[in-house]
Protein backbone atom coordinates (compact mmCIF):
# COMPACT_ATOMS: atom_id res chain seq x y z
CA MET A 1 22.24 -2.22 22.02
CA MET A 2 18.53 -2.16 21.18
CA SER A 3 16.62 -5.36 21.77
CA SER A 4 13.96 -6.72 19.43
CA GLY A 5 11.39 -5.79 22.05
CA ASP A 6 12.57 -2.18 22.01
CA ILE A 7 11.96 -2.00 18.25
CA VAL A 8 8.51 -3.51 18.66
CA ARG A 9 7.55 -0.97 21.31
CA GLN A 10 8.74 1.87 19.09
CA PHE A 11 6.73 0.93 16.02
CA PHE A 12 3.65 0.04 18.06
CA ALA A 13 3.72 3.45 19.73
CA SER A 14 4.20 5.28 16.42
CA GLU A 15 1.65 3.47 14.25
CA VAL A 16 -1.05 3.10 16.89
CA ALA A 17 -0.69 6.82 17.62
CA ASN A 18 -1.36 7.49 13.93
CA LEU A 19 -4.43 5.26 14.00
CA LEU A 20 -5.78 7.11 17.03
CA ARG A 21 -4.94 10.46 15.46
CA PHE A 22 -6.83 9.83 12.21
CA ASP A 23 -9.75 7.89 13.67
CA PRO A 24 -11.72 11.07 14.53
CA VAL A 25 -10.84 12.60 11.13
CA ALA A 26 -12.27 9.55 9.39
CA ARG A 27 -15.38 9.70 11.57
CA GLU A 28 -16.05 13.31 10.63
CA GLY A 29 -16.23 12.22 7.00
CA GLU A 30 -15.20 15.61 5.63
CA ASN A 31 -11.59 14.85 4.76
CA PRO A 32 -10.83 11.65 2.78
CA GLU A 33 -7.27 11.82 4.11
CA GLY A 34 -8.55 10.48 7.43
CA VAL A 35 -9.65 7.20 5.87
CA HIS A 36 -6.53 7.03 3.72
CA GLN A 37 -4.19 7.50 6.70
CA LEU A 38 -6.08 4.91 8.75
CA ARG A 39 -5.51 2.47 5.90
CA VAL A 40 -1.81 3.37 5.53
CA SER A 41 -1.15 2.99 9.27
CA SER A 42 -2.99 -0.34 9.48
CA ARG A 43 -1.04 -1.74 6.54
CA ARG A 44 2.26 -0.38 7.82
CA LEU A 45 1.67 -1.88 11.26
CA ARG A 46 0.73 -5.22 9.70
CA ALA A 47 3.94 -5.20 7.66
CA ASP A 48 6.04 -4.37 10.73
CA LEU A 49 4.42 -7.24 12.62
CA THR A 50 5.39 -9.56 9.77
CA VAL A 51 9.01 -8.39 9.90
CA MET A 52 9.17 -8.98 13.66
CA SER A 53 6.91 -12.04 13.76
CA SER A 54 9.50 -14.28 15.44
CA VAL A 55 9.38 -12.29 18.70
CA PHE A 56 5.57 -12.43 19.15
CA HIS A 57 3.34 -15.01 20.72
CA PRO A 58 1.70 -16.76 17.73
CA ARG A 59 -1.92 -16.49 18.88
CA GLU A 60 -1.85 -12.74 19.47
CA LEU A 61 0.17 -12.17 16.32
CA ASP A 62 -2.34 -14.11 14.22
CA PHE A 63 -5.21 -12.04 15.64
CA LEU A 64 -3.54 -8.71 14.93
CA HIS A 65 -2.38 -9.79 11.47
CA THR A 66 -5.87 -10.97 10.51
CA GLU A 67 -7.73 -7.95 11.90
CA LEU A 68 -5.34 -5.36 10.45
CA GLY A 69 -5.62 -7.08 7.06
CA TRP A 70 -9.41 -6.89 7.32
CA LEU A 71 -9.30 -3.20 8.20
CA GLY A 72 -6.87 -2.28 5.43
CA LYS A 73 -8.92 -4.12 2.82
CA LYS A 74 -12.18 -2.48 3.89
CA LEU A 75 -10.67 1.02 3.88
CA GLY A 76 -8.90 0.37 0.56
CA GLN A 77 -12.19 0.19 -1.33
CA ARG A 78 -12.70 3.91 -0.70
CA ARG A 79 -9.26 4.73 -2.03
CA ASP A 80 -9.95 2.78 -5.22
CA LEU A 81 -12.90 5.07 -5.90
CA ASP A 82 -10.76 8.16 -5.25
CA ILE A 83 -8.25 6.89 -7.82
CA ARG A 84 -10.97 6.38 -10.40
CA VAL A 85 -12.28 9.90 -9.84
CA ALA A 86 -8.80 11.43 -10.07
CA LEU A 87 -7.96 9.61 -13.31
CA LEU A 88 -11.39 10.35 -14.76
CA LYS A 89 -10.70 14.05 -14.27
CA HIS A 90 -7.25 13.46 -15.78
CA VAL A 91 -8.65 12.05 -19.05
CA ARG A 92 -12.07 13.71 -19.22
CA ARG A 93 -11.04 16.01 -22.06
CA ASP A 94 -10.67 12.90 -24.24
CA MET A 95 -14.36 11.99 -23.91
CA PRO A 96 -17.70 13.67 -24.57
CA ARG A 97 -18.74 15.93 -21.72
CA TRP A 98 -21.96 14.04 -21.08
CA VAL A 99 -20.05 10.76 -20.74
CA ALA A 100 -17.62 12.27 -18.24
CA GLY A 101 -20.50 13.75 -16.29
CA GLN A 102 -22.38 10.46 -16.03
CA LEU A 103 -19.25 8.53 -15.04
CA LEU A 104 -18.33 11.10 -12.39
CA GLU A 105 -21.87 11.11 -10.98
CA GLY A 106 -21.85 7.33 -10.79
CA LEU A 107 -18.50 7.25 -8.98
CA GLN A 108 -19.63 9.91 -6.53
CA GLN A 109 -22.72 7.85 -5.69
CA LEU A 110 -20.54 4.79 -5.08
CA ALA A 111 -18.23 6.89 -2.90
CA TYR A 112 -21.18 8.11 -0.85
CA LYS A 113 -22.32 4.53 -0.24
CA GLU A 114 -18.77 3.52 0.65
CA ASP A 115 -18.54 6.37 3.16
CA GLU A 116 -21.68 5.03 4.84
CA LYS A 117 -20.09 1.57 5.05
CA ILE A 118 -16.95 3.06 6.62
CA GLN A 119 -18.97 4.87 9.26
CA ARG A 120 -20.67 1.60 10.17
CA LEU A 121 -17.29 -0.10 10.30
CA LEU A 122 -15.85 2.54 12.64
CA ASN A 123 -18.75 1.99 15.02
CA ALA A 124 -18.65 -1.81 14.86
CA ASP A 125 -17.62 -3.94 17.84
CA ARG A 126 -14.95 -5.64 15.73
CA TYR A 127 -13.19 -2.34 15.02
CA ARG A 128 -13.47 -1.15 18.63
CA HIS A 129 -12.03 -4.44 19.87
CA LEU A 130 -9.09 -4.15 17.48
CA MET A 131 -8.32 -0.59 18.57
CA ALA A 132 -8.53 -1.55 22.25
CA THR A 133 -6.18 -4.49 21.65
CA LEU A 134 -3.69 -2.27 19.84
CA ALA A 135 -3.78 0.35 22.62
CA GLU A 136 -3.10 -2.40 25.16
CA ALA A 137 -0.23 -3.71 23.00
CA VAL A 138 1.51 -0.33 23.14
CA VAL A 139 1.92 -0.80 26.88
CA ARG A 140 2.23 -4.59 26.95
CA PRO A 141 3.12 -6.01 23.52
CA PRO A 142 2.57 -9.80 23.28
CA LEU A 143 6.26 -10.71 23.10
CA ASN A 144 7.98 -14.03 23.61
CA GLN A 145 11.42 -14.74 25.06
CA ARG A 146 13.20 -13.94 21.81
CA ALA A 147 12.25 -10.27 22.27
CA ALA A 148 15.30 -9.96 24.53
CA THR A 149 17.69 -10.75 21.66
CA PRO A 150 19.50 -7.90 19.86
CA ALA A 151 17.30 -6.29 17.23
CA THR A 152 20.04 -6.74 14.63
CA ASP A 153 19.70 -10.51 14.97
CA VAL A 154 16.08 -10.31 13.83
CA LEU A 155 16.02 -7.32 11.49
CA GLY A 156 19.24 -8.07 9.59
CA PRO A 157 18.34 -11.57 8.36
CA GLY A 158 14.73 -10.56 7.80
CA LEU A 159 15.69 -7.58 5.64
CA CYS A 160 18.21 -9.54 3.60
CA ASP A 161 15.80 -12.43 3.05
CA ALA A 162 13.09 -10.03 1.86
CA LEU A 163 15.54 -8.31 -0.47
CA SER A 164 16.74 -11.61 -1.93
CA ILE A 165 13.13 -12.62 -2.67
CA LEU A 166 12.52 -9.30 -4.46
CA VAL A 167 15.74 -9.56 -6.48
CA ALA A 168 15.00 -13.15 -7.49
CA ARG A 169 11.51 -12.19 -8.65
CA VAL A 170 12.72 -9.25 -10.72
CA GLU A 171 15.33 -11.46 -12.38
CA THR A 172 12.75 -14.17 -13.07
CA VAL A 173 10.29 -11.92 -14.89
CA GLY A 174 13.00 -10.52 -17.17
CA PRO A 175 12.91 -7.27 -19.17
CA THR A 176 9.23 -7.40 -20.18
CA PRO A 177 7.14 -8.31 -17.14
CA THR A 178 3.36 -8.51 -17.35
CA TYR A 179 1.14 -6.12 -15.43
CA ASP A 180 0.37 -8.84 -12.91
CA GLN A 181 4.08 -9.49 -12.42
CA LEU A 182 4.74 -5.77 -11.92
CA HIS A 183 2.00 -5.69 -9.29
CA GLU A 184 3.67 -8.60 -7.51
CA ILE A 185 7.03 -6.80 -7.65
CA ARG A 186 5.39 -3.72 -6.12
CA ILE A 187 4.07 -5.77 -3.20
CA LEU A 188 7.48 -7.36 -2.61
CA ALA A 189 9.19 -3.94 -2.87
CA LYS A 190 6.81 -2.54 -0.26
CA ARG A 191 7.68 -5.34 2.15
CA VAL A 192 11.41 -4.71 1.75
CA ARG A 193 10.85 -0.96 2.09
CA TYR A 194 9.06 -1.34 5.42
CA SER A 195 11.72 -3.73 6.66
CA ALA A 196 14.48 -1.31 5.63
CA ALA A 197 12.72 1.64 7.27
CA LEU A 198 12.29 -0.35 10.47
CA SER A 199 15.97 -1.32 10.34
CA SER A 200 17.37 2.13 9.55
CA PRO A 201 18.02 3.14 13.20
CA LEU A 202 20.32 0.13 13.43
CA PHE A 203 21.87 -0.10 9.97
CA GLY A 204 22.07 3.61 9.23
CA LEU A 205 22.25 5.42 5.91
CA HIS A 206 22.29 2.38 3.64
CA ALA A 207 19.03 1.00 5.04
CA LYS A 208 17.45 4.45 4.94
CA SER A 209 18.56 4.97 1.33
CA MET A 210 17.19 1.55 0.42
CA ALA A 211 13.82 2.45 1.96
CA ASN A 212 13.73 5.75 0.06
CA SER A 213 14.56 4.09 -3.25
CA LEU A 214 11.97 1.39 -2.76
CA GLU A 215 9.38 4.02 -1.91
CA GLN A 216 10.00 5.41 -5.40
CA VAL A 217 9.62 1.92 -6.88
CA GLN A 218 6.39 1.43 -4.96
CA THR A 219 5.03 4.83 -6.07
CA LEU A 220 5.85 4.34 -9.75
CA LEU A 221 4.47 0.81 -9.91
CA GLY A 222 1.44 1.91 -7.89
CA GLU A 223 0.63 4.62 -10.40
CA LEU A 224 1.13 2.12 -13.21
CA HIS A 225 -1.19 -0.39 -11.54
CA ASP A 226 -3.84 2.27 -10.97
CA ARG A 227 -3.81 3.16 -14.66
CA VAL A 228 -4.12 -0.45 -15.73
CA LEU A 229 -7.15 -0.96 -13.49
CA VAL A 230 -8.77 2.33 -14.52
CA MET A 231 -8.26 1.55 -18.20
CA GLU A 232 -10.13 -1.72 -17.64
CA TYR A 233 -12.82 0.23 -15.78
CA PHE A 234 -13.28 2.67 -18.67
CA THR A 235 -13.54 -0.20 -21.14
CA ARG A 236 -16.38 -1.74 -19.14
CA ALA A 237 -18.04 1.60 -18.43
CA PHE A 238 -18.16 2.63 -22.09
CA ASP A 239 -19.90 -0.61 -23.02
CA GLY A 240 -22.86 0.52 -20.93
CA PHE A 241 -23.46 3.77 -22.82
CA GLU A 242 -25.93 4.27 -25.61
CA GLY A 243 -25.16 6.97 -28.08
CA GLU A 244 -23.15 7.75 -31.16
CA GLN A 245 -20.86 4.74 -31.33
CA SER A 246 -18.18 6.43 -33.41
CA SER A 247 -17.88 9.22 -30.82
CA LEU A 248 -17.69 6.71 -27.96
CA GLU A 249 -15.12 4.56 -29.75
CA ASN A 250 -12.97 7.60 -30.51
CA ALA A 251 -13.14 8.59 -26.85
CA ARG A 252 -12.26 5.09 -25.70
CA ALA A 253 -9.31 4.96 -28.11
CA GLY A 254 -8.07 8.36 -26.98
CA ILE A 255 -8.16 7.36 -23.32
CA GLU A 256 -6.40 4.08 -24.03
CA ARG A 257 -3.65 5.84 -25.98
CA ARG A 258 -3.04 8.34 -23.20
CA LEU A 259 -3.03 5.78 -20.38
CA THR A 260 -0.88 3.39 -22.41
CA ARG A 261 1.72 6.11 -22.93
CA GLU A 262 1.75 6.84 -19.20
CA ILE A 263 1.99 3.14 -18.33
CA LYS A 264 4.94 2.76 -20.71
CA ARG A 265 6.67 5.76 -19.13
CA LEU A 266 6.19 4.47 -15.60
CA ASN A 267 7.39 1.02 -16.62
CA SER A 268 10.62 2.56 -17.89
CA GLN A 269 11.30 4.47 -14.67
CA TRP A 270 11.04 2.00 -11.78
CA ARG A 271 14.18 0.00 -12.48
CA GLN A 272 16.59 2.85 -11.69
CA PRO A 273 15.49 3.25 -8.04
CA TYR A 274 15.23 -0.55 -7.80
CA ASP A 275 18.87 -0.89 -8.91
CA GLU A 276 19.87 1.72 -6.34
CA ALA A 277 18.04 -0.14 -3.58
CA ARG A 278 19.74 -3.36 -4.59
CA ARG A 279 23.13 -1.61 -4.53
CA GLN A 280 22.50 -0.26 -1.04
CA GLY A 281 21.64 -3.78 0.10
CA THR A 282 25.11 -5.02 -0.78
CA PHE A 283 26.52 -3.01 2.14
CA PHE A 284 24.88 -5.18 4.78
CA CYS A 285 23.58 -8.27 2.94
CA ARG A 286 26.14 -10.81 1.88
CA SER A 287 25.31 -13.68 -0.43
């Protein structure tokens, strides 16, 4: 039977390996996937630490949790710009060409500045110290005595508690949640997904199916959230233009109609995989 410490060593080895793999890609600055994967691995590792928090020494856990949160937030700013660029290209036919050109140029300039910030971050002492600490933790994770307990004793209750929180939140918001409530549901779904993925070697197909379904929920609500934020961005951006107001207002209205339709579609799709994830949870979570 796998111990909690065995699970910790597995996810440390996997996620830290990903961080080390994509660090040089991010430093080259040619492929934005390097920065994106650094961010994904840092957030995934932080989530896994949260799931297994009871088997860590508190001081070391607090350091890793804080520093990985800092890294993920800093790297996430670059992704936000990539999303804006992608959705600008998606809706550019609904706006005058000169408007699209100016917006795209402005976003590219912001992205260039953000890339410079990331390069400074990757060369900072704080980042180097974090990476050295993580590399050391692969060999000697900061575990307490509870790490010797069976992994099922930690992962099972943790997964079921996370699922119950998600289910309660979805039931509370009802059939017409606000955008902020949907964003909160996405965050909760991501936590349950990571917990289910971490638990799948122990709980088998049901946990794996739950993780897959919640990945769909996370993707759909993520795309919805991106469109909400970008629609707000376009509203602010258009206010800064001088030109034929009727043309600008028509463009703004066209973009809002398109993004609103897509938001409505995404909002109608996430509940099916959520219901499936909840059904899979009944196989190993008992009320």
